[in-house]
């Protein structure tokens, strides 16, 4: 199931809130996303319901509220999404994606040191 999970851009917004604060009440998800986006409560609750339907979120009733927590690992979803982007845009070459991002992104000295460290680990 996790291998076939497709999360839309809007659903990523919901998942990020849940990954950061599990378990989280629906009202808290709505509150956080309504501040960041011009979305109605109904839109956000629809996104939550979709994610429950996709089995990306789990839920339980806690009194008069619903609590949600992730049913999928954030890192797994990021790896899958990254590979999908590399496949669609960069012909399946993850290195091309990384090179593009490094060239187009302003990097801090700490970022550069970390990249160098990772590359040194990769050297044979």
PDB file of N, CA and C in Angstrom:
ATOM      1  N   UNK A   1       0.829  -1.196   0.000  1.00  0.00           N
ATOM      2  CA  UNK A   1       0.000   0.000   0.000  1.00  0.00           C
ATOM      3  C   UNK A   1       0.869   1.254   0.000  1.00  0.00           C
ATOM      4  N   UNK A   2       1.864   1.343   0.890  1.00  0.00           N
ATOM      5  CA  UNK A   2       2.692   2.549   0.977  1.00  0.00           C
ATOM      6  C   UNK A   2       3.419   2.834  -0.328  1.00  0.00           C
ATOM      7  N   UNK A   3       3.745   1.767  -1.097  1.00  0.00           N
ATOM      8  CA  UNK A   3       4.448   1.980  -2.359  1.00  0.00           C
ATOM      9  C   UNK A   3       3.570   2.647  -3.402  1.00  0.00           C
ATOM     10  N   UNK A   4       2.242   2.479  -3.310  1.00  0.00           N
ATOM     11  CA  UNK A   4       1.352   3.058  -4.314  1.00  0.00           C
ATOM     12  C   UNK A   4       0.706   4.358  -3.841  1.00  0.00           C
ATOM     13  N   UNK A   5       1.034   4.804  -2.649  1.00  0.00           N
ATOM     14  CA  UNK A   5       0.432   6.012  -2.093  1.00  0.00           C
ATOM     15  C   UNK A   5       0.849   7.246  -2.880  1.00  0.00           C
ATOM     16  N   UNK A   6      -0.132   7.999  -3.324  1.00  0.00           N
ATOM     17  CA  UNK A   6       0.113   9.265  -4.010  1.00  0.00           C
ATOM     18  C   UNK A   6      -0.496  10.379  -3.163  1.00  0.00           C
ATOM     19  N   UNK A   7       0.340  11.331  -2.777  1.00  0.00           N
ATOM     20  CA  UNK A   7      -0.113  12.444  -1.953  1.00  0.00           C
ATOM     21  C   UNK A   7      -0.024  13.717  -2.785  1.00  0.00           C
ATOM     22  N   UNK A   8      -1.148  14.416  -2.911  1.00  0.00           N
ATOM     23  CA  UNK A   8      -1.179  15.662  -3.688  1.00  0.00           C
ATOM     24  C   UNK A   8      -0.443  16.763  -2.928  1.00  0.00           C
ATOM     25  N   UNK A   9      -0.183  17.859  -3.607  1.00  0.00           N
ATOM     26  CA  UNK A   9       0.502  18.996  -2.972  1.00  0.00           C
ATOM     27  C   UNK A   9      -0.287  19.505  -1.768  1.00  0.00           C
ATOM     28  N   UNK A  10      -1.586  19.619  -1.894  1.00  0.00           N
ATOM     29  CA  UNK A  10      -2.419  20.089  -0.785  1.00  0.00           C
ATOM     30  C   UNK A  10      -2.405  19.074   0.357  1.00  0.00           C
ATOM     31  N   UNK A  11      -2.427  17.800   0.031  1.00  0.00           N
ATOM     32  CA  UNK A  11      -2.388  16.770   1.062  1.00  0.00           C
ATOM     33  C   UNK A  11      -1.048  16.768   1.806  1.00  0.00           C
ATOM     34  N   UNK A  12       0.034  17.118   1.104  1.00  0.00           N
ATOM     35  CA  UNK A  12       1.336  17.246   1.767  1.00  0.00           C
ATOM     36  C   UNK A  12       1.264  18.286   2.882  1.00  0.00           C
ATOM     37  N   UNK A  13       0.528  19.362   2.650  1.00  0.00           N
ATOM     38  CA  UNK A  13       0.383  20.410   3.663  1.00  0.00           C
ATOM     39  C   UNK A  13      -0.235  19.832   4.943  1.00  0.00           C
ATOM     40  N   UNK A  14      -1.274  19.029   4.781  1.00  0.00           N
ATOM     41  CA  UNK A  14      -1.924  18.396   5.928  1.00  0.00           C
ATOM     42  C   UNK A  14      -0.957  17.420   6.597  1.00  0.00           C
ATOM     43  N   UNK A  15      -0.306  16.588   5.792  1.00  0.00           N
ATOM     44  CA  UNK A  15       0.611  15.595   6.354  1.00  0.00           C
ATOM     45  C   UNK A  15       1.729  16.266   7.140  1.00  0.00           C
ATOM     46  N   UNK A  16       2.242  17.386   6.652  1.00  0.00           N
ATOM     47  CA  UNK A  16       3.317  18.069   7.366  1.00  0.00           C
ATOM     48  C   UNK A  16       2.870  18.527   8.754  1.00  0.00           C
ATOM     49  N   UNK A  17       1.641  19.013   8.863  1.00  0.00           N
ATOM     50  CA  UNK A  17       1.113  19.408  10.174  1.00  0.00           C
ATOM     51  C   UNK A  17       1.025  18.181  11.084  1.00  0.00           C
ATOM     52  N   UNK A  18       0.517  17.086  10.561  1.00  0.00           N
ATOM     53  CA  UNK A  18       0.337  15.876  11.368  1.00  0.00           C
ATOM     54  C   UNK A  18       1.690  15.271  11.743  1.00  0.00           C
ATOM     55  N   UNK A  19       2.635  15.240  10.800  1.00  0.00           N
ATOM     56  CA  UNK A  19       3.963  14.705  11.116  1.00  0.00           C
ATOM     57  C   UNK A  19       4.637  15.523  12.218  1.00  0.00           C
ATOM     58  N   UNK A  20       4.399  16.823  12.237  1.00  0.00           N
ATOM     59  CA  UNK A  20       5.035  17.689  13.227  1.00  0.00           C
ATOM     60  C   UNK A  20       4.428  17.573  14.621  1.00  0.00           C
ATOM     61  N   UNK A  21       3.135  17.252  14.722  1.00  0.00           N
ATOM     62  CA  UNK A  21       2.441  17.325  16.014  1.00  0.00           C
ATOM     63  C   UNK A  21       1.523  16.137  16.292  1.00  0.00           C
ATOM     64  N   UNK A  22       1.943  14.907  16.069  1.00  0.00           N
ATOM     65  CA  UNK A  22       0.999  13.801  16.304  1.00  0.00           C
ATOM     66  C   UNK A  22       0.821  13.504  17.792  1.00  0.00           C
ATOM     67  N   UNK A  23      -0.334  13.050  18.219  1.00  0.00           N
ATOM     68  CA  UNK A  23      -1.589  13.104  17.464  1.00  0.00           C
ATOM     69  C   UNK A  23      -2.127  14.531  17.485  1.00  0.00           C
ATOM     70  N   UNK A  24      -2.869  14.877  16.482  1.00  0.00           N
ATOM     71  CA  UNK A  24      -3.367  16.241  16.357  1.00  0.00           C
ATOM     72  C   UNK A  24      -4.865  16.205  16.050  1.00  0.00           C
ATOM     73  N   UNK A  25      -5.586  17.112  16.675  1.00  0.00           N
ATOM     74  CA  UNK A  25      -7.029  17.204  16.458  1.00  0.00           C
ATOM     75  C   UNK A  25      -7.313  17.887  15.126  1.00  0.00           C
ATOM     76  N   UNK A  26      -8.427  17.504  14.531  1.00  0.00           N
ATOM     77  CA  UNK A  26      -8.828  18.108  13.255  1.00  0.00           C
ATOM     78  C   UNK A  26      -8.888  19.630  13.368  1.00  0.00           C
ATOM     79  N   UNK A  27      -9.404  20.128  14.481  1.00  0.00           N
ATOM     80  CA  UNK A  27      -9.515  21.586  14.660  1.00  0.00           C
ATOM     81  C   UNK A  27      -8.142  22.255  14.630  1.00  0.00           C
ATOM     82  N   UNK A  28      -7.123  21.591  15.171  1.00  0.00           N
ATOM     83  CA  UNK A  28      -5.777  22.155  15.150  1.00  0.00           C
ATOM     84  C   UNK A  28      -5.208  22.170  13.729  1.00  0.00           C
ATOM     85  N   UNK A  29      -5.484  21.124  12.971  1.00  0.00           N
ATOM     86  CA  UNK A  29      -5.033  21.077  11.569  1.00  0.00           C
ATOM     87  C   UNK A  29      -5.683  22.223  10.811  1.00  0.00           C
ATOM     88  N   UNK A  30      -6.992  22.373  11.000  1.00  0.00           N
ATOM     89  CA  UNK A  30      -7.736  23.443  10.323  1.00  0.00           C
ATOM     90  C   UNK A  30      -7.164  24.801  10.714  1.00  0.00           C
ATOM     91  N   UNK A  31      -6.945  25.007  11.999  1.00  0.00           N
ATOM     92  CA  UNK A  31      -6.428  26.292  12.482  1.00  0.00           C
ATOM     93  C   UNK A  31      -5.072  26.619  11.850  1.00  0.00           C
ATOM     94  N   UNK A  32      -4.166  25.669  11.854  1.00  0.00           N
ATOM     95  CA  UNK A  32      -2.832  25.925  11.312  1.00  0.00           C
ATOM     96  C   UNK A  32      -2.863  26.191   9.810  1.00  0.00           C
ATOM     97  N   UNK A  33      -3.617  25.384   9.078  1.00  0.00           N
ATOM     98  CA  UNK A  33      -3.635  25.549   7.616  1.00  0.00           C
ATOM     99  C   UNK A  33      -4.457  26.755   7.175  1.00  0.00           C
ATOM    100  N   UNK A  34      -5.490  27.097   7.915  1.00  0.00           N
ATOM    101  CA  UNK A  34      -6.290  28.280   7.563  1.00  0.00           C
ATOM    102  C   UNK A  34      -5.454  29.550   7.696  1.00  0.00           C
ATOM    103  N   UNK A  35      -4.485  29.544   8.641  1.00  0.00           N
ATOM    104  CA  UNK A  35      -3.594  30.702   8.792  1.00  0.00           C
ATOM    105  C   UNK A  35      -2.610  30.806   7.628  1.00  0.00           C
ATOM    106  N   UNK A  36      -2.141  29.665   7.146  1.00  0.00           N
ATOM    107  CA  UNK A  36      -1.124  29.646   6.081  1.00  0.00           C
ATOM    108  C   UNK A  36      -1.711  29.749   4.683  1.00  0.00           C
ATOM    109  N   UNK A  37      -2.873  29.204   4.499  1.00  0.00           N
ATOM    110  CA  UNK A  37      -3.491  29.116   3.175  1.00  0.00           C
ATOM    111  C   UNK A  37      -4.867  29.771   3.204  1.00  0.00           C
ATOM    112  N   UNK A  38      -5.349  30.107   2.060  1.00  0.00           N
ATOM    113  CA  UNK A  38      -6.690  30.661   1.945  1.00  0.00           C
ATOM    114  C   UNK A  38      -7.678  29.511   1.725  1.00  0.00           C
ATOM    115  N   UNK A  39      -7.695  28.568   2.665  1.00  0.00           N
ATOM    116  CA  UNK A  39      -8.549  27.392   2.573  1.00  0.00           C
ATOM    117  C   UNK A  39      -9.624  27.455   3.644  1.00  0.00           C
ATOM    118  N   UNK A  40     -10.805  26.965   3.304  1.00  0.00           N
ATOM    119  CA  UNK A  40     -11.891  26.889   4.274  1.00  0.00           C
ATOM    120  C   UNK A  40     -11.728  25.641   5.136  1.00  0.00           C
ATOM    121  N   UNK A  41     -12.424  25.640   6.231  1.00  0.00           N
ATOM    122  CA  UNK A  41     -12.440  24.472   7.110  1.00  0.00           C
ATOM    123  C   UNK A  41     -12.913  23.239   6.337  1.00  0.00           C
ATOM    124  N   UNK A  42     -13.903  23.415   5.517  1.00  0.00           N
ATOM    125  CA  UNK A  42     -14.452  22.298   4.740  1.00  0.00           C
ATOM    126  C   UNK A  42     -13.407  21.710   3.803  1.00  0.00           C
ATOM    127  N   UNK A  43     -12.635  22.561   3.143  1.00  0.00           N
ATOM    128  CA  UNK A  43     -11.573  22.094   2.244  1.00  0.00           C
ATOM    129  C   UNK A  43     -10.542  21.276   3.012  1.00  0.00           C
ATOM    130  N   UNK A  44     -10.133  21.776   4.152  1.00  0.00           N
ATOM    131  CA  UNK A  44      -9.107  21.097   4.953  1.00  0.00           C
ATOM    132  C   UNK A  44      -9.645  19.765   5.470  1.00  0.00           C
ATOM    133  N   UNK A  45     -10.877  19.760   5.912  1.00  0.00           N
ATOM    134  CA  UNK A  45     -11.471  18.505   6.405  1.00  0.00           C
ATOM    135  C   UNK A  45     -11.640  17.491   5.276  1.00  0.00           C
ATOM    136  N   UNK A  46     -11.894  17.970   4.069  1.00  0.00           N
ATOM    137  CA  UNK A  46     -11.962  17.071   2.908  1.00  0.00           C
ATOM    138  C   UNK A  46     -10.589  16.447   2.648  1.00  0.00           C
ATOM    139  N   UNK A  47      -9.531  17.259   2.747  1.00  0.00           N
ATOM    140  CA  UNK A  47      -8.173  16.737   2.565  1.00  0.00           C
ATOM    141  C   UNK A  47      -7.847  15.687   3.636  1.00  0.00           C
ATOM    142  N   UNK A  48      -8.248  15.958   4.869  1.00  0.00           N
ATOM    143  CA  UNK A  48      -8.030  14.997   5.950  1.00  0.00           C
ATOM    144  C   UNK A  48      -8.753  13.688   5.635  1.00  0.00           C
ATOM    145  N   UNK A  49      -9.992  13.791   5.215  1.00  0.00           N
ATOM    146  CA  UNK A  49     -10.777  12.587   4.896  1.00  0.00           C
ATOM    147  C   UNK A  49     -10.137  11.793   3.756  1.00  0.00           C
ATOM    148  N   UNK A  50      -9.624  12.488   2.758  1.00  0.00           N
ATOM    149  CA  UNK A  50      -8.943  11.800   1.652  1.00  0.00           C
ATOM    150  C   UNK A  50      -7.733  11.023   2.149  1.00  0.00           C
ATOM    151  N   UNK A  51      -6.974  11.658   3.035  1.00  0.00           N
ATOM    152  CA  UNK A  51      -5.765  11.012   3.564  1.00  0.00           C
ATOM    153  C   UNK A  51      -6.110   9.809   4.435  1.00  0.00           C
ATOM    154  N   UNK A  52      -7.209   9.882   5.164  1.00  0.00           N
ATOM    155  CA  UNK A  52      -7.670   8.723   5.929  1.00  0.00           C
ATOM    156  C   UNK A  52      -8.075   7.621   4.951  1.00  0.00           C
ATOM    157  N   UNK A  53      -8.784   7.995   3.892  1.00  0.00           N
ATOM    158  CA  UNK A  53      -9.201   7.028   2.870  1.00  0.00           C
ATOM    159  C   UNK A  53      -8.030   6.369   2.167  1.00  0.00           C
ATOM    160  N   UNK A  54      -6.954   7.112   1.992  1.00  0.00           N
ATOM    161  CA  UNK A  54      -5.738   6.579   1.366  1.00  0.00           C
ATOM    162  C   UNK A  54      -4.875   5.799   2.363  1.00  0.00           C
ATOM    163  N   UNK A  55      -5.313   5.795   3.608  1.00  0.00           N
ATOM    164  CA  UNK A  55      -4.587   5.142   4.702  1.00  0.00           C
ATOM    165  C   UNK A  55      -3.234   5.798   4.982  1.00  0.00           C
ATOM    166  N   UNK A  56      -3.150   7.085   4.709  1.00  0.00           N
ATOM    167  CA  UNK A  56      -1.948   7.852   5.051  1.00  0.00           C
ATOM    168  C   UNK A  56      -2.077   8.399   6.473  1.00  0.00           C
ATOM    169  N   UNK A  57      -3.317   8.554   6.933  1.00  0.00           N
ATOM    170  CA  UNK A  57      -3.596   9.002   8.296  1.00  0.00           C
ATOM    171  C   UNK A  57      -4.457   7.966   8.998  1.00  0.00           C
ATOM    172  N   UNK A  58      -4.248   7.869  10.299  1.00  0.00           N
ATOM    173  CA  UNK A  58      -5.122   7.083  11.167  1.00  0.00           C
ATOM    174  C   UNK A  58      -5.896   8.072  12.027  1.00  0.00           C
ATOM    175  N   UNK A  59      -7.053   7.629  12.486  1.00  0.00           N
ATOM    176  CA  UNK A  59      -7.851   8.517  13.327  1.00  0.00           C
ATOM    177  C   UNK A  59      -8.516   7.740  14.447  1.00  0.00           C
ATOM    178  N   UNK A  60      -8.869   8.484  15.494  1.00  0.00           N
ATOM    179  CA  UNK A  60      -9.682   7.904  16.563  1.00  0.00           C
ATOM    180  C   UNK A  60     -10.500   9.025  17.179  1.00  0.00           C
ATOM    181  N   UNK A  61     -11.636   8.654  17.715  1.00  0.00           N
ATOM    182  CA  UNK A  61     -12.509   9.612  18.386  1.00  0.00           C
ATOM    183  C   UNK A  61     -12.015   9.767  19.817  1.00  0.00           C
ATOM    184  N   UNK A  62     -11.892  11.024  20.234  1.00  0.00           N
ATOM    185  CA  UNK A  62     -11.469  11.349  21.596  1.00  0.00           C
ATOM    186  C   UNK A  62     -12.488  12.336  22.150  1.00  0.00           C
ATOM    187  N   UNK A  63     -13.506  11.808  22.782  1.00  0.00           N
ATOM    188  CA  UNK A  63     -14.592  12.669  23.256  1.00  0.00           C
ATOM    189  C   UNK A  63     -15.387  13.203  22.086  1.00  0.00           C
ATOM    190  N   UNK A  64     -15.371  14.520  21.931  1.00  0.00           N
ATOM    191  CA  UNK A  64     -16.111  15.150  20.831  1.00  0.00           C
ATOM    192  C   UNK A  64     -15.217  15.540  19.665  1.00  0.00           C
ATOM    193  N   UNK A  65     -13.980  15.097  19.682  1.00  0.00           N
ATOM    194  CA  UNK A  65     -13.060  15.476  18.604  1.00  0.00           C
ATOM    195  C   UNK A  65     -12.408  14.236  18.000  1.00  0.00           C
ATOM    196  N   UNK A  66     -11.882  14.431  16.798  1.00  0.00           N
ATOM    197  CA  UNK A  66     -11.118  13.384  16.130  1.00  0.00           C
ATOM    198  C   UNK A  66      -9.647  13.721  16.228  1.00  0.00           C
ATOM    199  N   UNK A  67      -8.852  12.707  16.565  1.00  0.00           N
ATOM    200  CA  UNK A  67      -7.405  12.853  16.594  1.00  0.00           C
ATOM    201  C   UNK A  67      -6.819  12.096  15.411  1.00  0.00           C
ATOM    202  N   UNK A  68      -5.748  12.666  14.846  1.00  0.00           N
ATOM    203  CA  UNK A  68      -5.095  12.067  13.678  1.00  0.00           C
ATOM    204  C   UNK A  68      -3.607  11.911  13.943  1.00  0.00           C
ATOM    205  N   UNK A  69      -3.058  10.844  13.396  1.00  0.00           N
ATOM    206  CA  UNK A  69      -1.608  10.646  13.428  1.00  0.00           C
ATOM    207  C   UNK A  69      -1.209   9.943  12.140  1.00  0.00           C
ATOM    208  N   UNK A  70       0.053  10.080  11.752  1.00  0.00           N
ATOM    209  CA  UNK A  70       0.481   9.519  10.474  1.00  0.00           C
ATOM    210  C   UNK A  70       0.483   7.997  10.493  1.00  0.00           C
ATOM    211  N   UNK A  71       0.063   7.429   9.394  1.00  0.00           N
ATOM    212  CA  UNK A  71       0.122   5.985   9.197  1.00  0.00           C
ATOM    213  C   UNK A  71       1.274   5.632   8.261  1.00  0.00           C
ATOM    214  N   UNK A  72       1.933   6.661   7.738  1.00  0.00           N
ATOM    215  CA  UNK A  72       3.074   6.456   6.831  1.00  0.00           C
ATOM    216  C   UNK A  72       4.248   7.278   7.332  1.00  0.00           C
ATOM    217  N   UNK A  73       5.424   6.763   7.078  1.00  0.00           N
ATOM    218  CA  UNK A  73       6.654   7.409   7.507  1.00  0.00           C
ATOM    219  C   UNK A  73       6.985   8.582   6.583  1.00  0.00           C
ATOM    220  N   UNK A  74       7.316   9.714   7.189  1.00  0.00           N
ATOM    221  CA  UNK A  74       7.646  10.918   6.419  1.00  0.00           C
ATOM    222  C   UNK A  74       8.828  10.671   5.473  1.00  0.00           C
ATOM    223  N   UNK A  75       9.892  10.069   5.983  1.00  0.00           N
ATOM    224  CA  UNK A  75      11.083   9.831   5.148  1.00  0.00           C
ATOM    225  C   UNK A  75      10.773   8.933   3.962  1.00  0.00           C
ATOM    226  N   UNK A  76       9.940   7.926   4.180  1.00  0.00           N
ATOM    227  CA  UNK A  76       9.547   7.045   3.070  1.00  0.00           C
ATOM    228  C   UNK A  76       8.805   7.855   1.994  1.00  0.00           C
ATOM    229  N   UNK A  77       7.897   8.711   2.419  1.00  0.00           N
ATOM    230  CA  UNK A  77       7.140   9.532   1.461  1.00  0.00           C
ATOM    231  C   UNK A  77       8.053  10.499   0.717  1.00  0.00           C
ATOM    232  N   UNK A  78       9.023  11.079   1.422  1.00  0.00           N
ATOM    233  CA  UNK A  78       9.961  12.008   0.785  1.00  0.00           C
ATOM    234  C   UNK A  78      10.810  11.264  -0.248  1.00  0.00           C
ATOM    235  N   UNK A  79      11.308  10.073   0.114  1.00  0.00           N
ATOM    236  CA  UNK A  79      12.097   9.281  -0.851  1.00  0.00           C
ATOM    237  C   UNK A  79      11.278   8.958  -2.093  1.00  0.00           C
ATOM    238  N   UNK A  80      10.037   8.535  -1.874  1.00  0.00           N
ATOM    239  CA  UNK A  80       9.166   8.169  -3.001  1.00  0.00           C
ATOM    240  C   UNK A  80       8.885   9.383  -3.894  1.00  0.00           C
ATOM    241  N   UNK A  81       8.594  10.509  -3.283  1.00  0.00           N
ATOM    242  CA  UNK A  81       8.300  11.730  -4.043  1.00  0.00           C
ATOM    243  C   UNK A  81       9.536  12.218  -4.792  1.00  0.00           C
ATOM    244  N   UNK A  82      10.694  12.128  -4.149  1.00  0.00           N
ATOM    245  CA  UNK A  82      11.951  12.531  -4.791  1.00  0.00           C
ATOM    246  C   UNK A  82      12.242  11.665  -6.003  1.00  0.00           C
ATOM    247  N   UNK A  83      12.042  10.352  -5.850  1.00  0.00           N
ATOM    248  CA  UNK A  83      12.280   9.440  -6.977  1.00  0.00           C
ATOM    249  C   UNK A  83      11.288   9.714  -8.099  1.00  0.00           C
ATOM    250  N   UNK A  84      10.043  10.004  -7.735  1.00  0.00           N
ATOM    251  CA  UNK A  84       9.034  10.324  -8.744  1.00  0.00           C
ATOM    252  C   UNK A  84       9.428  11.576  -9.528  1.00  0.00           C
ATOM    253  N   UNK A  85       9.903  12.597  -8.826  1.00  0.00           N
ATOM    254  CA  UNK A  85      10.354  13.821  -9.486  1.00  0.00           C
ATOM    255  C   UNK A  85      11.544  13.537 -10.394  1.00  0.00           C
ATOM    256  N   UNK A  86      12.504  12.780  -9.891  1.00  0.00           N
ATOM    257  CA  UNK A  86      13.677  12.430 -10.711  1.00  0.00           C
ATOM    258  C   UNK A  86      13.244  11.664 -11.952  1.00  0.00           C
ATOM    259  N   UNK A  87      12.306  10.742 -11.807  1.00  0.00           N
ATOM    260  CA  UNK A  87      11.833   9.956 -12.948  1.00  0.00           C
ATOM    261  C   UNK A  87      11.124  10.829 -13.980  1.00  0.00           C
ATOM    262  N   UNK A  88      10.221  11.698 -13.510  1.00  0.00           N
ATOM    263  CA  UNK A  88       9.406  12.503 -14.427  1.00  0.00           C
ATOM    264  C   UNK A  88      10.181  13.620 -15.097  1.00  0.00           C
ATOM    265  N   UNK A  89      11.051  14.298 -14.350  1.00  0.00           N
ATOM    266  CA  UNK A  89      11.663  15.532 -14.839  1.00  0.00           C
ATOM    267  C   UNK A  89      13.116  15.331 -15.278  1.00  0.00           C
ATOM    268  N   UNK A  90      13.806  14.409 -14.629  1.00  0.00           N
ATOM    269  CA  UNK A  90      15.239  14.253 -14.883  1.00  0.00           C
ATOM    270  C   UNK A  90      15.588  12.888 -15.464  1.00  0.00           C
ATOM    271  N   UNK A  91      14.629  12.256 -16.127  1.00  0.00           N
ATOM    272  CA  UNK A  91      14.887  10.998 -16.803  1.00  0.00           C
ATOM    273  C   UNK A  91      15.356   9.887 -15.881  1.00  0.00           C
ATOM    274  N   UNK A  92      14.925   9.931 -14.632  1.00  0.00           N
ATOM    275  CA  UNK A  92      15.278   8.877 -13.692  1.00  0.00           C
ATOM    276  C   UNK A  92      16.652   9.022 -13.078  1.00  0.00           C
ATOM    277  N   UNK A  93      17.306  10.172 -13.290  1.00  0.00           N
ATOM    278  CA  UNK A  93      18.665  10.378 -12.782  1.00  0.00           C
ATOM    279  C   UNK A  93      18.627  11.252 -11.524  1.00  0.00           C
ATOM    280  N   UNK A  94      18.681  10.644 -10.342  1.00  0.00           N
ATOM    281  CA  UNK A  94      18.649  11.434  -9.111  1.00  0.00           C
ATOM    282  C   UNK A  94      19.808  12.422  -9.013  1.00  0.00           C
ATOM    283  N   UNK A  95      20.971  12.067  -9.545  1.00  0.00           N
ATOM    284  CA  UNK A  95      22.116  12.977  -9.481  1.00  0.00           C
ATOM    285  C   UNK A  95      21.810  14.276 -10.234  1.00  0.00           C
ATOM    286  N   UNK A  96      21.108  14.175 -11.349  1.00  0.00           N
ATOM    287  CA  UNK A  96      20.740  15.381 -12.100  1.00  0.00           C
ATOM    288  C   UNK A  96      19.822  16.280 -11.279  1.00  0.00           C
ATOM    289  N   UNK A  97      18.915  15.665 -10.540  1.00  0.00           N
ATOM    290  CA  UNK A  97      18.031  16.427  -9.656  1.00  0.00           C
ATOM    291  C   UNK A  97      18.844  17.136  -8.577  1.00  0.00           C
ATOM    292  N   UNK A  98      19.753  16.424  -7.947  1.00  0.00           N
ATOM    293  CA  UNK A  98      20.574  17.009  -6.882  1.00  0.00           C
ATOM    294  C   UNK A  98      21.436  18.140  -7.431  1.00  0.00           C
ATOM    295  N   UNK A  99      22.075  17.908  -8.571  1.00  0.00           N
ATOM    296  CA  UNK A  99      22.915  18.948  -9.178  1.00  0.00           C
ATOM    297  C   UNK A  99      22.096  20.194  -9.492  1.00  0.00           C
ATOM    298  N   UNK A 100      20.923  19.996 -10.031  1.00  0.00           N
ATOM    299  CA  UNK A 100      20.041  21.126 -10.335  1.00  0.00           C
ATOM    300  C   UNK A 100      19.722  21.913  -9.059  1.00  0.00           C
ATOM    301  N   UNK A 101      19.339  21.196  -8.003  1.00  0.00           N
ATOM    302  CA  UNK A 101      18.985  21.867  -6.751  1.00  0.00           C
ATOM    303  C   UNK A 101      20.170  22.614  -6.150  1.00  0.00           C
ATOM    304  N   UNK A 102      21.345  22.008  -6.198  1.00  0.00           N
ATOM    305  CA  UNK A 102      22.534  22.665  -5.643  1.00  0.00           C
ATOM    306  C   UNK A 102      22.851  23.935  -6.424  1.00  0.00           C
ATOM    307  N   UNK A 103      22.732  23.867  -7.740  1.00  0.00           N
ATOM    308  CA  UNK A 103      23.039  25.035  -8.579  1.00  0.00           C
ATOM    309  C   UNK A 103      22.029  26.164  -8.378  1.00  0.00           C
ATOM    310  N   UNK A 104      20.773  25.809  -8.126  1.00  0.00           N
ATOM    311  CA  UNK A 104      19.707  26.811  -8.086  1.00  0.00           C
ATOM    312  C   UNK A 104      19.394  27.328  -6.677  1.00  0.00           C
ATOM    313  N   UNK A 105      20.041  26.771  -5.667  1.00  0.00           N
ATOM    314  CA  UNK A 105      19.698  27.102  -4.288  1.00  0.00           C
ATOM    315  C   UNK A 105      20.836  27.843  -3.612  1.00  0.00           C
ATOM    316  N   UNK A 106      20.484  28.873  -2.853  1.00  0.00           N
ATOM    317  CA  UNK A 106      21.487  29.561  -2.040  1.00  0.00           C
ATOM    318  C   UNK A 106      21.774  28.660  -0.848  1.00  0.00           C
ATOM    319  N   UNK A 107      23.022  28.275  -0.690  1.00  0.00           N
ATOM    320  CA  UNK A 107      23.417  27.353   0.362  1.00  0.00           C
ATOM    321  C   UNK A 107      24.206  28.083   1.449  1.00  0.00           C
ATOM    322  N   UNK A 108      23.923  27.726   2.686  1.00  0.00           N
ATOM    323  CA  UNK A 108      24.674  28.284   3.809  1.00  0.00           C
ATOM    324  C   UNK A 108      26.022  27.563   3.901  1.00  0.00           C
ATOM    325  N   UNK A 109      26.971  28.142   4.606  1.00  0.00           N
ATOM    326  CA  UNK A 109      28.239  27.442   4.823  1.00  0.00           C
ATOM    327  C   UNK A 109      28.038  26.064   5.469  1.00  0.00           C
ATOM    328  N   UNK A 110      27.076  25.962   6.388  1.00  0.00           N
ATOM    329  CA  UNK A 110      26.787  24.662   7.011  1.00  0.00           C
ATOM    330  C   UNK A 110      26.261  23.663   5.982  1.00  0.00           C
ATOM    331  N   UNK A 111      25.383  24.134   5.075  1.00  0.00           N
ATOM    332  CA  UNK A 111      24.867  23.264   4.016  1.00  0.00           C
ATOM    333  C   UNK A 111      26.010  22.751   3.142  1.00  0.00           C
ATOM    334  N   UNK A 112      26.910  23.636   2.788  1.00  0.00           N
ATOM    335  CA  UNK A 112      28.043  23.261   1.926  1.00  0.00           C
ATOM    336  C   UNK A 112      28.929  22.242   2.638  1.00  0.00           C
ATOM    337  N   UNK A 113      29.214  22.460   3.910  1.00  0.00           N
ATOM    338  CA  UNK A 113      30.026  21.495   4.674  1.00  0.00           C
ATOM    339  C   UNK A 113      29.342  20.133   4.726  1.00  0.00           C
ATOM    340  N   UNK A 114      28.036  20.126   4.941  1.00  0.00           N
ATOM    341  CA  UNK A 114      27.295  18.866   4.999  1.00  0.00           C
ATOM    342  C   UNK A 114      27.312  18.152   3.654  1.00  0.00           C
ATOM    343  N   UNK A 115      27.139  18.895   2.576  1.00  0.00           N
ATOM    344  CA  UNK A 115      27.213  18.289   1.239  1.00  0.00           C
ATOM    345  C   UNK A 115      28.588  17.689   0.984  1.00  0.00           C
ATOM    346  N   UNK A 116      29.622  18.407   1.353  1.00  0.00           N
ATOM    347  CA  UNK A 116      30.982  17.888   1.187  1.00  0.00           C
ATOM    348  C   UNK A 116      31.180  16.608   1.991  1.00  0.00           C
ATOM    349  N   UNK A 117      30.676  16.605   3.218  1.00  0.00           N
ATOM    350  CA  UNK A 117      30.810  15.420   4.064  1.00  0.00           C
ATOM    351  C   UNK A 117      30.111  14.211   3.438  1.00  0.00           C
ATOM    352  N   UNK A 118      28.917  14.432   2.940  1.00  0.00           N
ATOM    353  CA  UNK A 118      28.152  13.348   2.310  1.00  0.00           C
ATOM    354  C   UNK A 118      28.883  12.832   1.077  1.00  0.00           C
ATOM    355  N   UNK A 119      29.393  13.740   0.258  1.00  0.00           N
ATOM    356  CA  UNK A 119      30.112  13.335  -0.951  1.00  0.00           C
ATOM    357  C   UNK A 119      31.388  12.553  -0.611  1.00  0.00           C
ATOM    358  N   UNK A 120      32.076  12.980   0.429  1.00  0.00           N
ATOM    359  CA  UNK A 120      33.268  12.237   0.845  1.00  0.00           C
ATOM    360  C   UNK A 120      32.925  10.834   1.293  1.00  0.00           C
ATOM    361  N   UNK A 121      31.812  10.654   1.951  1.00  0.00           N
ATOM    362  CA  UNK A 121      31.360   9.317   2.364  1.00  0.00           C
ATOM    363  C   UNK A 121      31.046   8.453   1.161  1.00  0.00           C
ATOM    364  N   UNK A 122      30.569   9.066   0.085  1.00  0.00           N
ATOM    365  CA  UNK A 122      30.177   8.328  -1.125  1.00  0.00           C
ATOM    366  C   UNK A 122      31.372   7.903  -1.971  1.00  0.00           C
ATOM    367  N   UNK A 123      32.504   8.560  -1.790  1.00  0.00           N
ATOM    368  CA  UNK A 123      33.675   8.224  -2.597  1.00  0.00           C
ATOM    369  C   UNK A 123      34.135   6.799  -2.303  1.00  0.00           C
ATOM    370  N   UNK A 124      34.514   6.080  -3.379  1.00  0.00           N
ATOM    371  CA  UNK A 124      34.965   4.692  -3.188  1.00  0.00           C
ATOM    372  C   UNK A 124      36.310   4.619  -2.493  1.00  0.00           C
TER     373      UNK A 124
END
